[in-house]
Amino acid sequence: MSRNFKIALVISAAAALLLAGGYSALERARRAGEDVLGWRELTALAYKGGPGAAAEALENRLERHPNDALLHYYRARLYFEQGQAEEALRSADRAIALGYAQEISHLLKALVYGRLRGDYAGQRDLATKALVYDPTYDYGYLVRAEAGYALGDYSACASDAAAFSRLQPKEPDGYEYSLLCLERLGDNAGAEAAGLKVLALEPGSHAALWRLGRLHAAQGAYAAAVKRFSEAIRLSGGRPAYYLDRARACSELGDFSCAAWDYASATEWAAVSGYASYYLLLGAAMHRIGELDHALAAAGKAAQLSPRDPAPLELRARLRAEAGDLAGARRDLLAAEGLAPGAGAELRARLAGATGGLPKDKK
């Protein structure tokens, strides 16, 4: 065997070994990739098979890797998303004990305290602890801003919201909390600037448009307010608060038809339809535009919802008298006076003078 041939054999063998080693590494990487169980995979499992499928896969993995801190953190997140507060806290504490990222784990606990327990002071304290571990952790400021808003500490909320926005200037969340908290602080200019930032990032944010409308209304700019409310209603398909606020702004502008029909739209929502006060507003608004039938129906609904309140009865008495139903007006006035002596006295005197006395009820 020649020397050159021996060298060729050695080179070929070495190449074969390198190829085999490379193939083995690639195969191991492929298998490892197939075996990954990250949050993305768990989310996909939950989407396909429900939360139980994701939980089952996670528990199977934890049986093989009981001290994997990341898996315990994932389990805490799953429990949190399913609304199981105590289980989420236990799993988060286990992740912390095993050394998983302290700021992330403590922030998850903060969310459990606030959103599942309603303990916003606890949420604030745990978010602060997360920020001690990492002062650059952007979402720590956002979660603490949320707690500050819930606790009524609007100055702290605004400060934390601004800190989040400095770290994440392309995210609307920080500006949204700035808008909420600065509005509560009476800083209309700051709140408006924050609201415009939200709209620049999310032009379809009807909530931001609504709040900007409220800011305009608070400053007496009712035409601008109506424009904002109208756009919010268009984008959202309508919300009771949007209709109610536009109705008030329309009234200030003297557009009583707009106000009346907005009150009518608002009372179609369950959040509003159980309150007599809104039907009183609706009745008065409909009366103002000459829609007596709608006004009478609204006054009747108010009387039904609040039978111990004389105001709906007095309103309906006025409407019945105007419609020519003097007997009905008398019954309502008597009922109102039974609840509050003197109720409807002005109407009774006016009607008595015009008709020579209110008629008796027919037996």
Protein backbone atom coordinates (compact mmCIF):
# COMPACT_ATOMS: atom_id res chain seq x y z
CA MET A 1 0.00 0.00 0.00
CA SER A 2 1.48 3.30 -1.05
CA ARG A 3 2.00 6.13 1.36
CA ASN A 4 -0.42 8.36 -0.54
CA PHE A 5 -3.11 5.71 -0.45
CA LYS A 6 -2.71 5.34 3.35
CA ILE A 7 -3.12 9.10 3.76
CA ALA A 8 -6.28 9.01 1.65
CA LEU A 9 -7.73 6.26 3.84
CA VAL A 10 -6.99 8.21 7.01
CA ILE A 11 -8.60 11.34 5.56
CA SER A 12 -11.66 9.36 4.43
CA ALA A 13 -12.04 7.78 7.87
CA ALA A 14 -11.71 11.14 9.57
CA ALA A 15 -14.28 12.65 7.25
CA ALA A 16 -16.65 9.77 7.94
CA LEU A 17 -16.23 10.29 11.67
CA LEU A 18 -16.87 14.02 11.30
CA LEU A 19 -19.97 13.38 9.21
CA ALA A 20 -21.22 10.82 11.71
CA GLY A 21 -20.58 13.21 14.58
CA GLY A 22 -22.33 16.02 12.75
CA TYR A 23 -25.30 13.84 11.95
CA SER A 24 -25.49 12.69 15.58
CA ALA A 25 -25.47 16.27 16.82
CA LEU A 26 -28.15 17.29 14.33
CA GLU A 27 -30.28 14.33 15.32
CA ARG A 28 -29.94 15.16 19.00
CA ALA A 29 -30.90 18.78 18.27
CA ARG A 30 -33.90 17.62 16.24
CA ARG A 31 -35.07 15.33 19.03
CA ALA A 32 -34.54 18.06 21.62
CA GLY A 33 -36.57 20.45 19.49
CA GLU A 34 -39.38 17.96 19.26
CA ASP A 35 -39.25 17.55 23.04
CA VAL A 36 -39.53 21.27 23.86
CA LEU A 37 -42.39 22.22 26.16
CA GLY A 38 -42.37 25.98 26.31
CA TRP A 39 -45.17 28.47 26.91
CA ARG A 40 -45.89 28.60 23.18
CA GLU A 41 -46.39 24.84 23.07
CA LEU A 42 -48.57 24.89 26.18
CA THR A 43 -50.69 27.68 24.70
CA ALA A 44 -51.12 25.67 21.49
CA LEU A 45 -52.16 22.59 23.50
CA ALA A 46 -54.69 24.67 25.46
CA TYR A 47 -56.09 26.10 22.24
CA LYS A 48 -56.53 22.65 20.68
CA GLY A 49 -57.55 20.55 23.66
CA GLY A 50 -58.50 23.02 26.36
CA PRO A 51 -56.67 23.96 29.57
CA GLY A 52 -56.75 20.34 30.74
CA ALA A 53 -54.59 19.19 27.82
CA ALA A 54 -51.92 21.78 28.60
CA ALA A 55 -52.02 20.94 32.31
CA GLU A 56 -51.70 17.21 31.61
CA ALA A 57 -48.66 17.72 29.37
CA LEU A 58 -47.05 19.91 32.00
CA GLU A 59 -47.68 17.43 34.81
CA ASN A 60 -46.22 14.61 32.72
CA ARG A 61 -43.09 16.66 32.18
CA LEU A 62 -42.84 17.57 35.85
CA GLU A 63 -42.92 13.88 36.78
CA ARG A 64 -39.68 13.48 34.83
CA HIS A 65 -38.20 16.83 35.87
CA PRO A 66 -39.60 17.65 39.33
CA ASN A 67 -36.96 20.33 40.03
CA ASP A 68 -37.30 22.26 36.79
CA ALA A 69 -38.00 25.80 38.02
CA LEU A 70 -39.30 26.96 34.64
CA LEU A 71 -41.91 24.20 34.55
CA HIS A 72 -43.16 25.22 37.99
CA TYR A 73 -43.44 28.80 36.75
CA TYR A 74 -45.45 27.61 33.75
CA ARG A 75 -47.72 25.69 36.08
CA ALA A 76 -48.24 28.84 38.15
CA ARG A 77 -49.21 30.73 34.97
CA LEU A 78 -51.67 28.05 33.97
CA TYR A 79 -53.28 28.15 37.41
CA PHE A 80 -53.43 31.95 37.24
CA GLU A 81 -55.14 31.90 33.86
CA GLN A 82 -57.66 29.38 35.20
CA GLY A 83 -58.41 31.62 38.20
CA GLN A 84 -56.93 29.23 40.80
CA ALA A 85 -55.18 31.67 43.10
CA GLU A 86 -53.82 29.44 45.86
CA GLU A 87 -52.46 26.82 43.45
CA ALA A 88 -50.82 29.56 41.38
CA LEU A 89 -49.13 31.02 44.45
CA ARG A 90 -47.81 27.63 45.58
CA SER A 91 -46.34 26.93 42.15
CA ALA A 92 -44.82 30.40 41.92
CA ASP A 93 -43.21 29.96 45.33
CA ARG A 94 -41.80 26.61 44.20
CA ALA A 95 -40.34 28.27 41.09
CA ILE A 96 -38.80 30.97 43.29
CA ALA A 97 -37.33 28.38 45.68
CA LEU A 98 -35.74 26.55 42.74
CA GLY A 99 -34.15 29.79 41.53
CA TYR A 100 -36.30 30.84 38.61
CA ALA A 101 -36.14 34.53 37.61
CA GLN A 102 -37.16 36.33 40.79
CA GLU A 103 -38.60 39.44 39.16
CA ILE A 104 -40.83 37.41 36.81
CA SER A 105 -42.05 35.06 39.53
CA HIS A 106 -42.81 37.85 41.98
CA LEU A 107 -44.68 39.79 39.31
CA LEU A 108 -46.84 36.75 38.60
CA LYS A 109 -47.64 36.58 42.31
CA ALA A 110 -48.50 40.29 42.20
CA LEU A 111 -51.07 39.62 39.47
CA VAL A 112 -52.55 36.75 41.47
CA TYR A 113 -52.93 38.99 44.52
CA GLY A 114 -54.55 41.82 42.60
CA ARG A 115 -56.64 40.19 39.89
CA LEU A 116 -57.68 37.01 41.66
CA ARG A 117 -57.71 38.02 45.33
CA GLY A 118 -58.59 41.69 44.96
CA ASP A 119 -55.66 42.51 47.25
CA TYR A 120 -54.22 45.52 45.45
CA ALA A 121 -51.94 46.50 48.31
CA GLY A 122 -50.39 43.03 48.04
CA GLN A 123 -50.14 43.48 44.28
CA ARG A 124 -48.29 46.76 44.75
CA ASP A 125 -45.89 45.28 47.32
CA LEU A 126 -45.03 42.27 45.16
CA ALA A 127 -44.58 44.42 42.04
CA THR A 128 -42.21 46.60 44.07
CA LYS A 129 -40.29 43.47 45.11
CA ALA A 130 -40.00 42.42 41.48
CA LEU A 131 -38.56 45.84 40.65
CA VAL A 132 -36.02 45.54 43.47
CA TYR A 133 -34.67 42.45 41.71
CA ASP A 134 -34.64 44.25 38.35
CA PRO A 135 -35.33 48.01 38.24
CA THR A 136 -35.44 47.85 34.43
CA TYR A 137 -38.27 45.29 34.37
CA ASP A 138 -40.83 47.25 32.35
CA TYR A 139 -43.94 45.26 33.23
CA GLY A 140 -43.19 45.67 36.92
CA TYR A 141 -44.06 49.35 36.55
CA LEU A 142 -47.22 48.62 34.61
CA VAL A 143 -48.52 46.12 37.17
CA ARG A 144 -47.72 48.54 39.99
CA ALA A 145 -49.52 51.32 38.08
CA GLU A 146 -52.57 49.05 37.89
CA ALA A 147 -52.44 48.54 41.66
CA GLY A 148 -52.00 52.26 42.28
CA TYR A 149 -55.08 53.04 40.19
CA ALA A 150 -57.17 50.44 42.03
CA LEU A 151 -55.99 51.85 45.39
CA GLY A 152 -56.77 55.44 44.39
CA ASP A 153 -53.10 56.44 44.54
CA TYR A 154 -53.26 58.26 41.23
CA SER A 155 -49.95 60.12 41.61
CA ALA A 156 -48.06 56.84 42.05
CA CYS A 157 -50.06 55.31 39.22
CA ALA A 158 -49.16 58.15 36.85
CA SER A 159 -45.49 57.94 37.82
CA ASP A 160 -45.31 54.18 37.21
CA ALA A 161 -47.24 54.48 33.94
CA ALA A 162 -44.74 57.08 32.73
CA ALA A 163 -41.84 54.80 33.75
CA PHE A 164 -43.32 51.96 31.70
CA SER A 165 -43.79 54.23 28.68
CA ARG A 166 -40.17 55.36 28.85
CA LEU A 167 -39.09 51.72 28.68
CA GLN A 168 -41.77 50.70 26.15
CA PRO A 169 -42.66 53.82 24.12
CA LYS A 170 -44.39 51.78 21.40
CA GLU A 171 -46.79 50.06 23.80
CA PRO A 172 -50.15 51.78 24.47
CA ASP A 173 -50.65 50.28 27.95
CA GLY A 174 -48.56 52.85 29.78
CA TYR A 175 -50.27 55.77 28.07
CA GLU A 176 -53.66 54.23 28.87
CA TYR A 177 -52.88 54.24 32.59
CA SER A 178 -51.44 57.75 32.30
CA LEU A 179 -54.73 58.86 30.76
CA LEU A 180 -56.76 57.22 33.54
CA CYS A 181 -54.66 58.50 36.42
CA LEU A 182 -53.96 62.01 35.14
CA GLU A 183 -57.68 62.44 34.47
CA ARG A 184 -58.38 61.55 38.11
CA LEU A 185 -55.70 64.02 39.21
CA GLY A 186 -57.37 66.79 37.23
CA ASP A 187 -54.41 67.15 34.89
CA ASN A 188 -56.53 67.52 31.77
CA ALA A 189 -53.65 68.57 29.53
CA GLY A 190 -51.49 65.63 30.58
CA ALA A 191 -54.40 63.21 30.27
CA GLU A 192 -55.24 64.51 26.80
CA ALA A 193 -51.62 64.14 25.67
CA ALA A 194 -51.64 60.54 26.92
CA GLY A 195 -54.93 59.84 25.16
CA LEU A 196 -53.57 61.18 21.88
CA LYS A 197 -50.55 58.89 22.30
CA VAL A 198 -52.89 55.93 22.67
CA LEU A 199 -54.74 56.91 19.49
CA ALA A 200 -51.47 57.32 17.60
CA LEU A 201 -50.57 53.73 18.49
CA GLU A 202 -54.10 52.32 18.33
CA PRO A 203 -56.36 54.46 16.13
CA GLY A 204 -59.28 52.13 16.81
CA SER A 205 -59.22 52.58 20.59
CA HIS A 206 -62.80 53.60 21.30
CA ALA A 207 -62.08 53.69 25.04
CA ALA A 208 -59.43 56.37 24.48
CA LEU A 209 -61.82 58.36 22.28
CA TRP A 210 -64.50 58.16 24.97
CA ARG A 211 -62.14 59.39 27.68
CA LEU A 212 -60.92 62.21 25.47
CA GLY A 213 -64.57 63.15 25.00
CA ARG A 214 -65.02 63.25 28.76
CA LEU A 215 -62.01 65.53 29.05
CA HIS A 216 -63.46 67.89 26.44
CA ALA A 217 -66.83 67.90 28.22
CA ALA A 218 -65.16 68.67 31.57
CA GLN A 219 -63.63 71.75 29.96
CA GLY A 220 -66.92 72.85 28.38
CA ALA A 221 -65.90 71.92 24.82
CA TYR A 222 -69.14 70.05 24.17
CA ALA A 223 -68.96 70.05 20.37
CA ALA A 224 -65.53 68.40 20.50
CA ALA A 225 -66.86 65.99 23.12
CA VAL A 226 -69.81 64.95 20.93
CA LYS A 227 -67.42 64.33 18.04
CA ARG A 228 -65.23 62.04 20.20
CA PHE A 229 -68.23 60.20 21.68
CA SER A 230 -69.73 59.68 18.23
CA GLU A 231 -66.51 58.16 16.92
CA ALA A 232 -66.25 55.92 19.99
CA ILE A 233 -69.81 54.71 19.39
CA ARG A 234 -69.10 54.08 15.71
CA LEU A 235 -65.97 52.04 16.42
CA SER A 236 -67.39 50.07 19.34
CA GLY A 237 -70.93 49.49 18.13
CA GLY A 238 -72.09 51.38 21.22
CA ARG A 239 -71.56 51.23 24.98
CA PRO A 240 -74.02 52.51 27.60
CA ALA A 241 -71.55 55.01 29.06
CA TYR A 242 -70.79 56.36 25.60
CA TYR A 243 -74.47 57.04 24.91
CA LEU A 244 -75.05 58.59 28.33
CA ASP A 245 -72.10 60.94 28.02
CA ARG A 246 -73.05 61.97 24.49
CA ALA A 247 -76.62 62.61 25.67
CA ARG A 248 -75.36 65.02 28.33
CA ALA A 249 -73.06 66.80 25.88
CA CYS A 250 -75.87 67.05 23.31
CA SER A 251 -78.14 68.58 25.97
CA GLU A 252 -75.50 71.20 26.73
CA LEU A 253 -75.39 72.06 23.03
CA GLY A 254 -79.20 72.28 22.86
CA ASP A 255 -79.48 69.22 20.63
CA PHE A 256 -82.34 67.68 22.58
CA SER A 257 -83.26 65.14 19.94
CA CYS A 258 -79.74 63.66 20.08
CA ALA A 259 -79.96 63.57 23.89
CA ALA A 260 -83.36 61.86 23.94
CA TRP A 261 -82.48 59.08 21.53
CA ASP A 262 -79.09 58.51 23.19
CA TYR A 263 -80.84 58.01 26.53
CA ALA A 264 -83.14 55.57 24.74
CA SER A 265 -80.13 53.67 23.36
CA ALA A 266 -78.46 53.58 26.79
CA THR A 267 -81.52 52.09 28.50
CA GLU A 268 -81.42 49.13 26.12
CA TRP A 269 -78.32 47.91 28.00
CA ALA A 270 -78.62 45.77 31.12
CA ALA A 271 -76.06 47.95 32.91
CA VAL A 272 -78.50 50.88 32.70
CA SER A 273 -81.96 49.36 32.35
CA GLY A 274 -82.31 48.53 36.04
CA TYR A 275 -82.07 52.13 37.26
CA ALA A 276 -85.12 54.36 37.58
CA SER A 277 -83.00 57.52 37.38
CA TYR A 278 -82.07 56.85 33.76
CA TYR A 279 -85.71 56.38 32.80
CA LEU A 280 -86.51 59.69 34.47
CA LEU A 281 -83.86 61.32 32.27
CA LEU A 282 -85.26 59.51 29.25
CA GLY A 283 -88.82 60.58 30.07
CA ALA A 284 -87.87 64.22 30.50
CA ALA A 285 -85.79 64.18 27.31
CA MET A 286 -88.57 62.61 25.25
CA HIS A 287 -91.07 65.12 26.66
CA ARG A 288 -88.79 67.93 25.60
CA ILE A 289 -88.87 66.82 21.94
CA GLY A 290 -92.61 66.14 21.98
CA GLU A 291 -92.48 62.34 22.04
CA LEU A 292 -95.23 61.94 24.64
CA ASP A 293 -95.78 58.22 24.14
CA HIS A 294 -92.09 57.46 24.65
CA ALA A 295 -91.97 59.85 27.60
CA LEU A 296 -94.97 58.19 29.27
CA ALA A 297 -93.46 54.72 28.77
CA ALA A 298 -90.19 55.87 30.34
CA ALA A 299 -91.94 57.48 33.32
CA GLY A 300 -93.97 54.31 33.82
CA LYS A 301 -90.80 52.19 33.79
CA ALA A 302 -89.20 54.50 36.35
CA ALA A 303 -92.26 54.18 38.59
CA GLN A 304 -92.11 50.40 38.26
CA LEU A 305 -88.41 50.25 39.15
CA SER A 306 -88.68 52.67 42.08
CA PRO A 307 -92.23 52.37 43.53
CA ARG A 308 -91.35 54.29 46.72
CA ASP A 309 -90.02 57.32 44.86
CA PRO A 310 -92.56 60.10 44.14
CA ALA A 311 -90.52 61.64 41.28
CA PRO A 312 -91.55 59.14 38.56
CA LEU A 313 -95.20 59.50 39.58
CA GLU A 314 -95.02 63.27 39.46
CA LEU A 315 -93.38 63.16 36.01
CA ARG A 316 -96.02 60.78 34.71
CA ALA A 317 -98.76 62.98 36.18
CA ARG A 318 -97.42 65.96 34.24
CA LEU A 319 -97.21 63.93 31.05
CA ARG A 320 -100.72 62.50 31.49
CA ALA A 321 -102.13 65.95 32.12
CA GLU A 322 -100.49 67.26 28.96
CA ALA A 323 -101.88 64.28 27.01
CA GLY A 324 -105.38 65.08 28.33
CA ASP A 325 -105.58 62.15 30.77
CA LEU A 326 -106.58 64.23 33.80
CA ALA A 327 -107.95 61.25 35.73
CA GLY A 328 -104.64 59.43 35.33
CA ALA A 329 -102.76 62.57 36.32
CA ARG A 330 -104.88 62.83 39.50
CA ARG A 331 -104.17 59.20 40.45
CA ASP A 332 -100.44 59.71 40.02
CA LEU A 333 -100.52 62.94 42.04
CA LEU A 334 -102.40 61.28 44.89
CA ALA A 335 -99.91 58.41 44.90
CA ALA A 336 -96.97 60.83 44.84
CA GLU A 337 -98.43 62.85 47.72
CA GLY A 338 -98.91 59.65 49.67
CA LEU A 339 -95.17 59.01 49.42
CA ALA A 340 -94.11 62.63 49.93
CA PRO A 341 -96.69 65.16 51.14
CA GLY A 342 -96.59 68.21 48.91
CA ALA A 343 -95.28 66.37 45.86
CA GLY A 344 -96.78 67.76 42.68
CA ALA A 345 -98.37 70.71 44.51
CA GLU A 346 -97.51 73.16 41.73
CA LEU A 347 -99.01 70.88 39.08
CA ARG A 348 -102.12 70.26 41.18
CA ALA A 349 -102.69 74.00 41.64
CA ARG A 350 -102.15 74.73 37.95
CA LEU A 351 -104.49 71.98 36.81
CA ALA A 352 -107.12 72.95 39.37
CA GLY A 353 -107.08 76.52 38.14
CA ALA A 354 -107.34 75.47 34.49
CA THR A 355 -110.09 72.88 34.89
CA GLY A 356 -112.04 74.01 37.89
CA GLY A 357 -110.71 71.15 39.94
CA LEU A 358 -109.28 67.77 39.09
CA PRO A 359 -111.92 65.16 38.31
CA LYS A 360 -112.72 62.36 40.70
CA ASP A 361 -111.70 58.82 39.88
CA LYS A 362 -114.43 56.86 38.14
CA LYS A 363 -115.73 54.02 40.28
